[in-house]
């Protein structure tokens, strides 16, 4: 199987191309700048997808494309200009590549979307399921959802197959984003007002579990033209996650209790409402449809996934 991975130099892309190579696949990695990698796979280096793949013929040798390129930075702005920036990458570039792939006879297109398509949080004891209506709340999530819908429409009544994966927060060695920032804070000596945040539950997925399910989706017959929600199936509270991380850091968690209402008010006044959502509210994913359809269960627990970061 010949596989093209776009965005191969990123947090997911780099371990993915190593994993696919180790599994014996023929891998071509699209990257924008050269990487000092001693890996015997083919690299396509170009600043633009449009220039790297100008015609359908340039994709004709691939059986599967795994598309990772995305604009991910989210600000508090919801301006039309910002939406256009997200759309140009997350929708326009994605659909350009997908249409070329369809014309070229590529069998399957795997699109890494985001659980943010479902929304930013879940309430009470509810979980996001495949039956939930999409509720994207920012340009990133909205353009991911638009791309999903256009991809599924492109696959209708054709041999071109689309697989859409919606992971929650992805963590692993060299983690970036919110988890990385939390780890930096925990390495410091400043107490955090999160001691009372033991009531929420957050779904996450370690990079090893994500790579595992991507490999399954390369050829699983029931994956075609489906959307799959992902997680480690091992949800954790904010306080619980902090305690686990501190255990691996070899230090005591420095926490004190603060009213969630106070945290909400302070976050709102500081223009950090999204931070309160991520730290204090729940985001739970129901994995049952993914597990039953793909006959897949996560190989790594949360503890095992965190251990791989620190060892």
Protein backbone atom coordinates (compact mmCIF):
# COMPACT_ATOMS: atom_id res chain seq x y z
CA UNK A 1 0.00 0.00 0.00
CA UNK A 2 1.35 3.39 -1.04
CA UNK A 3 0.47 6.11 1.46
CA UNK A 4 0.83 9.89 1.26
CA UNK A 5 0.96 11.76 4.58
CA UNK A 6 0.53 15.51 4.47
CA UNK A 7 1.74 17.63 7.36
CA UNK A 8 4.30 14.93 8.09
CA UNK A 9 6.57 17.17 10.16
CA UNK A 10 3.96 17.92 12.82
CA UNK A 11 3.23 16.52 16.26
CA UNK A 12 1.10 13.72 14.76
CA UNK A 13 2.72 13.49 11.36
CA UNK A 14 6.27 12.76 12.47
CA UNK A 15 5.47 9.74 14.67
CA UNK A 16 2.91 8.61 12.09
CA UNK A 17 5.40 8.29 9.24
CA UNK A 18 7.78 6.38 11.55
CA UNK A 19 4.93 4.09 12.61
CA UNK A 20 3.77 3.42 9.06
CA UNK A 21 7.32 2.70 7.92
CA UNK A 22 7.79 0.24 10.78
CA UNK A 23 4.54 -1.45 9.75
CA UNK A 24 5.96 -2.03 6.28
CA UNK A 25 3.96 0.51 4.28
CA UNK A 26 5.41 2.52 1.41
CA UNK A 27 5.28 6.05 2.78
CA UNK A 28 5.62 9.39 1.06
CA UNK A 29 5.76 12.39 3.38
CA UNK A 30 4.77 15.87 2.28
CA UNK A 31 6.59 18.55 4.27
CA UNK A 32 7.18 22.25 3.72
CA UNK A 33 10.76 22.44 4.97
CA UNK A 34 13.52 19.80 5.06
CA UNK A 35 13.86 17.64 8.17
CA UNK A 36 17.07 16.02 9.50
CA UNK A 37 15.54 12.54 9.47
CA UNK A 38 17.44 9.35 8.81
CA UNK A 39 14.37 7.58 7.49
CA UNK A 40 14.39 5.73 4.15
CA UNK A 41 11.09 7.07 2.88
CA UNK A 42 10.28 9.48 0.10
CA UNK A 43 9.88 13.14 1.01
CA UNK A 44 8.13 15.75 -1.10
CA UNK A 45 9.34 19.16 0.03
CA UNK A 46 7.36 22.15 -1.12
CA UNK A 47 5.89 25.26 0.47
CA UNK A 48 2.51 24.59 -1.14
CA UNK A 49 0.17 21.64 -1.68
CA UNK A 50 -0.95 23.31 -4.89
CA UNK A 51 2.58 23.40 -6.28
CA UNK A 52 3.56 19.96 -5.02
CA UNK A 53 0.50 18.31 -6.58
CA UNK A 54 -0.54 20.36 -9.61
CA UNK A 55 -2.49 17.60 -11.36
CA UNK A 56 -4.39 14.41 -10.59
CA UNK A 57 -1.56 12.48 -12.21
CA UNK A 58 0.78 13.59 -9.41
CA UNK A 59 -1.36 11.58 -6.96
CA UNK A 60 -2.02 8.56 -9.14
CA UNK A 61 0.55 6.33 -7.40
CA UNK A 62 -1.10 6.56 -3.97
CA UNK A 63 -3.66 4.18 -2.52
CA UNK A 64 -4.43 6.22 0.60
CA UNK A 65 -3.90 9.83 1.62
CA UNK A 66 -3.76 10.80 5.30
CA UNK A 67 -4.37 14.53 5.48
CA UNK A 68 -3.02 16.23 8.59
CA UNK A 69 -2.40 19.80 7.42
CA UNK A 70 -4.63 22.26 9.24
CA UNK A 71 -4.72 25.76 10.59
CA UNK A 72 -5.21 25.20 14.31
CA UNK A 73 -4.50 28.45 16.15
CA UNK A 74 -7.72 29.81 17.62
CA UNK A 75 -8.09 33.35 18.87
CA UNK A 76 -11.10 34.97 20.50
CA UNK A 77 -11.96 36.76 17.28
CA UNK A 78 -14.79 35.54 15.07
CA UNK A 79 -14.23 38.03 12.27
CA UNK A 80 -14.89 37.17 8.65
CA UNK A 81 -11.22 37.75 7.91
CA UNK A 82 -10.15 35.15 10.45
CA UNK A 83 -12.73 32.68 9.18
CA UNK A 84 -11.31 33.15 5.67
CA UNK A 85 -7.81 32.31 6.91
CA UNK A 86 -9.06 29.07 8.46
CA UNK A 87 -11.20 28.23 5.45
CA UNK A 88 -8.32 28.65 3.01
CA UNK A 89 -6.39 25.87 4.73
CA UNK A 90 -8.95 23.66 6.44
CA UNK A 91 -11.52 23.64 3.65
CA UNK A 92 -10.13 24.92 0.35
CA UNK A 93 -6.77 23.16 0.50
CA UNK A 94 -8.34 19.96 1.82
CA UNK A 95 -10.93 19.84 -0.94
CA UNK A 96 -8.39 20.67 -3.63
CA UNK A 97 -6.34 17.66 -2.58
CA UNK A 98 -9.39 15.42 -2.18
CA UNK A 99 -10.81 16.25 -5.60
CA UNK A 100 -7.46 15.57 -7.24
CA UNK A 101 -7.23 12.32 -5.31
CA UNK A 102 -10.67 11.21 -6.49
CA UNK A 103 -9.82 11.96 -10.11
CA UNK A 104 -6.48 10.18 -9.70
CA UNK A 105 -8.14 6.99 -8.48
CA UNK A 106 -6.90 7.17 -4.89
CA UNK A 107 -8.92 4.62 -2.96
CA UNK A 108 -9.23 6.26 0.48
CA UNK A 109 -8.80 9.71 2.03
CA UNK A 110 -8.34 9.81 5.83
CA UNK A 111 -9.10 13.22 7.30
CA UNK A 112 -8.02 14.11 10.82
CA UNK A 113 -10.73 16.41 12.13
CA UNK A 114 -11.44 17.34 15.76
CA UNK A 115 -13.93 16.62 18.54
CA UNK A 116 -14.40 20.39 18.63
CA UNK A 117 -16.78 19.86 15.72
CA UNK A 118 -19.18 18.42 18.32
CA UNK A 119 -18.62 21.32 20.71
CA UNK A 120 -16.36 22.61 23.46
CA UNK A 121 -17.89 20.76 26.41
CA UNK A 122 -20.43 18.19 27.53
CA UNK A 123 -22.92 18.65 30.35
CA UNK A 124 -23.78 16.54 33.40
CA UNK A 125 -23.06 12.88 32.65
CA UNK A 126 -23.52 13.20 28.90
CA UNK A 127 -21.00 12.27 26.20
CA UNK A 128 -20.49 13.24 22.60
CA UNK A 129 -21.77 10.44 20.38
CA UNK A 130 -22.15 9.94 16.65
CA UNK A 131 -25.78 10.98 17.01
CA UNK A 132 -24.98 14.41 18.46
CA UNK A 133 -25.56 17.43 16.25
CA UNK A 134 -22.41 19.34 15.37
CA UNK A 135 -21.92 22.52 17.41
CA UNK A 136 -18.65 24.12 16.24
CA UNK A 137 -18.09 27.36 18.11
CA UNK A 138 -15.02 28.93 16.49
CA UNK A 139 -13.50 29.27 13.01
CA UNK A 140 -11.24 26.25 13.50
CA UNK A 141 -14.06 23.88 14.46
CA UNK A 142 -16.47 25.31 11.91
CA UNK A 143 -14.06 24.91 9.00
CA UNK A 144 -13.22 21.39 10.11
CA UNK A 145 -16.93 20.58 10.03
CA UNK A 146 -17.42 22.19 6.62
CA UNK A 147 -14.53 20.13 5.26
CA UNK A 148 -16.05 16.96 6.71
CA UNK A 149 -19.36 17.62 4.98
CA UNK A 150 -17.77 18.43 1.64
CA UNK A 151 -15.58 15.33 1.81
CA UNK A 152 -18.56 13.07 2.53
CA UNK A 153 -20.46 14.68 -0.34
CA UNK A 154 -17.49 14.08 -2.64
CA UNK A 155 -17.51 10.39 -1.79
CA UNK A 156 -21.22 9.92 -2.56
CA UNK A 157 -21.99 7.40 -5.30
CA UNK A 158 -18.33 6.80 -6.13
CA UNK A 159 -15.43 4.48 -5.36
CA UNK A 160 -13.65 7.28 -3.53
CA UNK A 161 -13.77 6.51 0.20
CA UNK A 162 -13.51 9.03 3.02
CA UNK A 163 -12.70 8.30 6.67
CA UNK A 164 -13.10 11.10 9.22
CA UNK A 165 -11.50 10.91 12.65
CA UNK A 166 -12.44 13.29 15.47
CA UNK A 167 -9.87 13.07 18.26
CA UNK A 168 -10.04 15.09 21.48
CA UNK A 169 -6.82 16.51 22.95
CA UNK A 170 -3.88 14.47 21.63
CA UNK A 171 -0.95 13.99 23.98
CA UNK A 172 2.43 12.32 23.85
CA UNK A 173 6.14 13.09 23.72
CA UNK A 174 6.69 16.68 22.58
CA UNK A 175 3.06 17.55 23.35
CA UNK A 176 2.12 21.09 22.47
CA UNK A 177 -0.79 23.36 23.29
CA UNK A 178 -2.74 23.31 26.52
CA UNK A 179 -1.21 20.18 28.02
CA UNK A 180 2.28 21.50 27.38
CA UNK A 181 1.38 24.77 29.10
CA UNK A 182 -0.08 22.90 32.08
CA UNK A 183 3.09 20.82 32.42
CA UNK A 184 5.20 23.98 32.40
CA UNK A 185 3.09 25.42 35.21
CA UNK A 186 3.35 22.22 37.24
CA UNK A 187 7.13 22.29 36.95
CA UNK A 188 7.12 25.70 38.61
CA UNK A 189 6.51 26.63 42.22
CA UNK A 190 3.27 28.58 41.86
CA UNK A 191 0.19 27.01 43.49
CA UNK A 192 -2.78 26.60 41.16
CA UNK A 193 -6.42 27.28 42.15
CA UNK A 194 -7.63 23.96 40.75
CA UNK A 195 -7.84 21.78 43.85
CA UNK A 196 -11.63 21.64 43.72
CA UNK A 197 -11.87 20.69 40.02
CA UNK A 198 -12.39 17.01 40.70
CA UNK A 199 -15.95 16.84 39.37
CA UNK A 200 -15.33 17.20 35.64
CA UNK A 201 -14.21 14.51 33.20
CA UNK A 202 -12.10 15.08 30.09
CA UNK A 203 -11.48 12.62 27.27
CA UNK A 204 -8.05 12.61 25.68
CA UNK A 205 -6.14 10.30 23.33
CA UNK A 206 -2.46 9.43 23.44
CA UNK A 207 -0.51 9.50 20.20
CA UNK A 208 0.03 5.73 20.30
CA UNK A 209 -3.71 5.02 20.31
CA UNK A 210 -4.30 7.54 17.53
CA UNK A 211 -1.64 5.94 15.33
CA UNK A 212 -3.13 2.53 16.00
CA UNK A 213 -6.61 3.51 14.85
CA UNK A 214 -5.25 5.34 11.79
CA UNK A 215 -3.55 2.13 10.65
CA UNK A 216 -6.82 0.22 11.10
CA UNK A 217 -8.65 2.82 9.02
CA UNK A 218 -6.25 2.38 6.11
CA UNK A 219 -8.12 -0.71 4.96
CA UNK A 220 -10.99 -1.60 7.28
CA UNK A 221 -14.02 -2.15 5.03
CA UNK A 222 -16.49 -0.66 7.52
CA UNK A 223 -14.49 2.56 7.91
CA UNK A 224 -15.52 3.85 4.50
CA UNK A 225 -17.48 7.11 4.51
CA UNK A 226 -17.85 7.16 8.28
CA UNK A 227 -17.08 9.58 11.10
CA UNK A 228 -15.34 8.13 14.16
CA UNK A 229 -15.01 9.75 17.58
CA UNK A 230 -11.81 8.82 19.38
CA UNK A 231 -10.40 8.71 22.90
CA UNK A 232 -8.38 6.57 25.31
CA UNK A 233 -11.72 5.64 26.90
CA UNK A 234 -10.11 6.63 30.20
CA UNK A 235 -11.52 10.00 31.21
CA UNK A 236 -9.98 12.09 33.98
CA UNK A 237 -10.76 15.19 36.04
CA UNK A 238 -8.50 18.23 35.93
CA UNK A 239 -7.32 17.57 39.47
CA UNK A 240 -6.77 13.89 38.69
CA UNK A 241 -4.69 14.75 35.62
CA UNK A 242 -2.57 17.20 37.61
CA UNK A 243 -1.91 14.59 40.29
CA UNK A 244 -0.88 12.03 37.66
CA UNK A 245 1.48 14.47 35.93
CA UNK A 246 3.03 15.53 39.24
CA UNK A 247 3.64 11.89 40.13
CA UNK A 248 5.68 11.51 36.94
CA UNK A 249 7.46 14.79 37.66
CA UNK A 250 8.36 13.48 41.12
CA UNK A 251 6.79 16.34 43.02
CA UNK A 252 3.75 17.15 45.12
CA UNK A 253 0.92 18.99 43.35
CA UNK A 254 0.61 22.57 44.59
CA UNK A 255 -3.15 23.11 44.56
CA UNK A 256 -5.63 25.09 46.56
CA UNK A 257 -9.41 25.14 46.41
CA UNK A 258 -11.30 27.91 44.69
CA UNK A 259 -14.98 28.17 43.86
CA UNK A 260 -15.68 27.21 40.22
CA UNK A 261 -17.98 30.25 40.03
CA UNK A 262 -15.09 32.48 41.03
CA UNK A 263 -12.82 30.84 38.47
CA UNK A 264 -15.50 31.37 35.83
CA UNK A 265 -15.87 35.06 36.73
CA UNK A 266 -12.13 35.72 36.77
CA UNK A 267 -11.65 33.90 33.47
CA UNK A 268 -14.43 35.91 31.88
CA UNK A 269 -13.07 39.23 33.15
CA UNK A 270 -9.58 38.34 31.88
CA UNK A 271 -10.90 37.39 28.46
CA UNK A 272 -9.98 33.73 29.06
CA UNK A 273 -13.41 32.13 29.04
CA UNK A 274 -12.07 29.30 26.89
CA UNK A 275 -9.48 28.50 29.58
CA UNK A 276 -12.22 28.02 32.16
CA UNK A 277 -14.04 25.71 29.72
CA UNK A 278 -10.96 23.55 29.17
CA UNK A 279 -9.97 23.34 32.84
CA UNK A 280 -13.28 23.24 34.67
CA UNK A 281 -15.91 21.75 32.35
CA UNK A 282 -16.25 18.23 31.01
CA UNK A 283 -15.67 16.96 27.50
CA UNK A 284 -16.48 13.28 27.26
CA UNK A 285 -16.46 11.05 24.19
CA UNK A 286 -18.53 7.90 23.78
CA UNK A 287 -16.23 5.41 22.08
CA UNK A 288 -18.80 2.61 21.66
CA UNK A 289 -19.60 3.21 17.97
CA UNK A 290 -15.93 3.39 17.02
CA UNK A 291 -15.10 0.28 19.02
CA UNK A 292 -17.96 -1.80 17.65
CA UNK A 293 -17.54 -0.71 14.02
CA UNK A 294 -13.77 -1.07 13.83
CA UNK A 295 -13.40 -3.85 16.44
CA UNK A 296 -10.91 -1.54 18.12
CA UNK A 297 -10.12 -0.79 21.72
CA UNK A 298 -7.37 1.56 22.90
CA UNK A 299 -4.17 -0.34 23.64
CA UNK A 300 -2.84 2.31 26.01
CA UNK A 301 -4.50 3.68 29.12
CA UNK A 302 -4.12 7.29 30.24
CA UNK A 303 -1.42 6.28 32.73
CA UNK A 304 0.50 4.38 30.04
CA UNK A 305 0.16 7.28 27.63
CA UNK A 306 1.47 9.75 30.19
CA UNK A 307 4.30 7.41 31.10
CA UNK A 308 5.50 7.52 27.49
CA UNK A 309 5.90 11.28 27.79
CA UNK A 310 8.24 11.11 30.77
CA UNK A 311 10.20 7.93 29.99
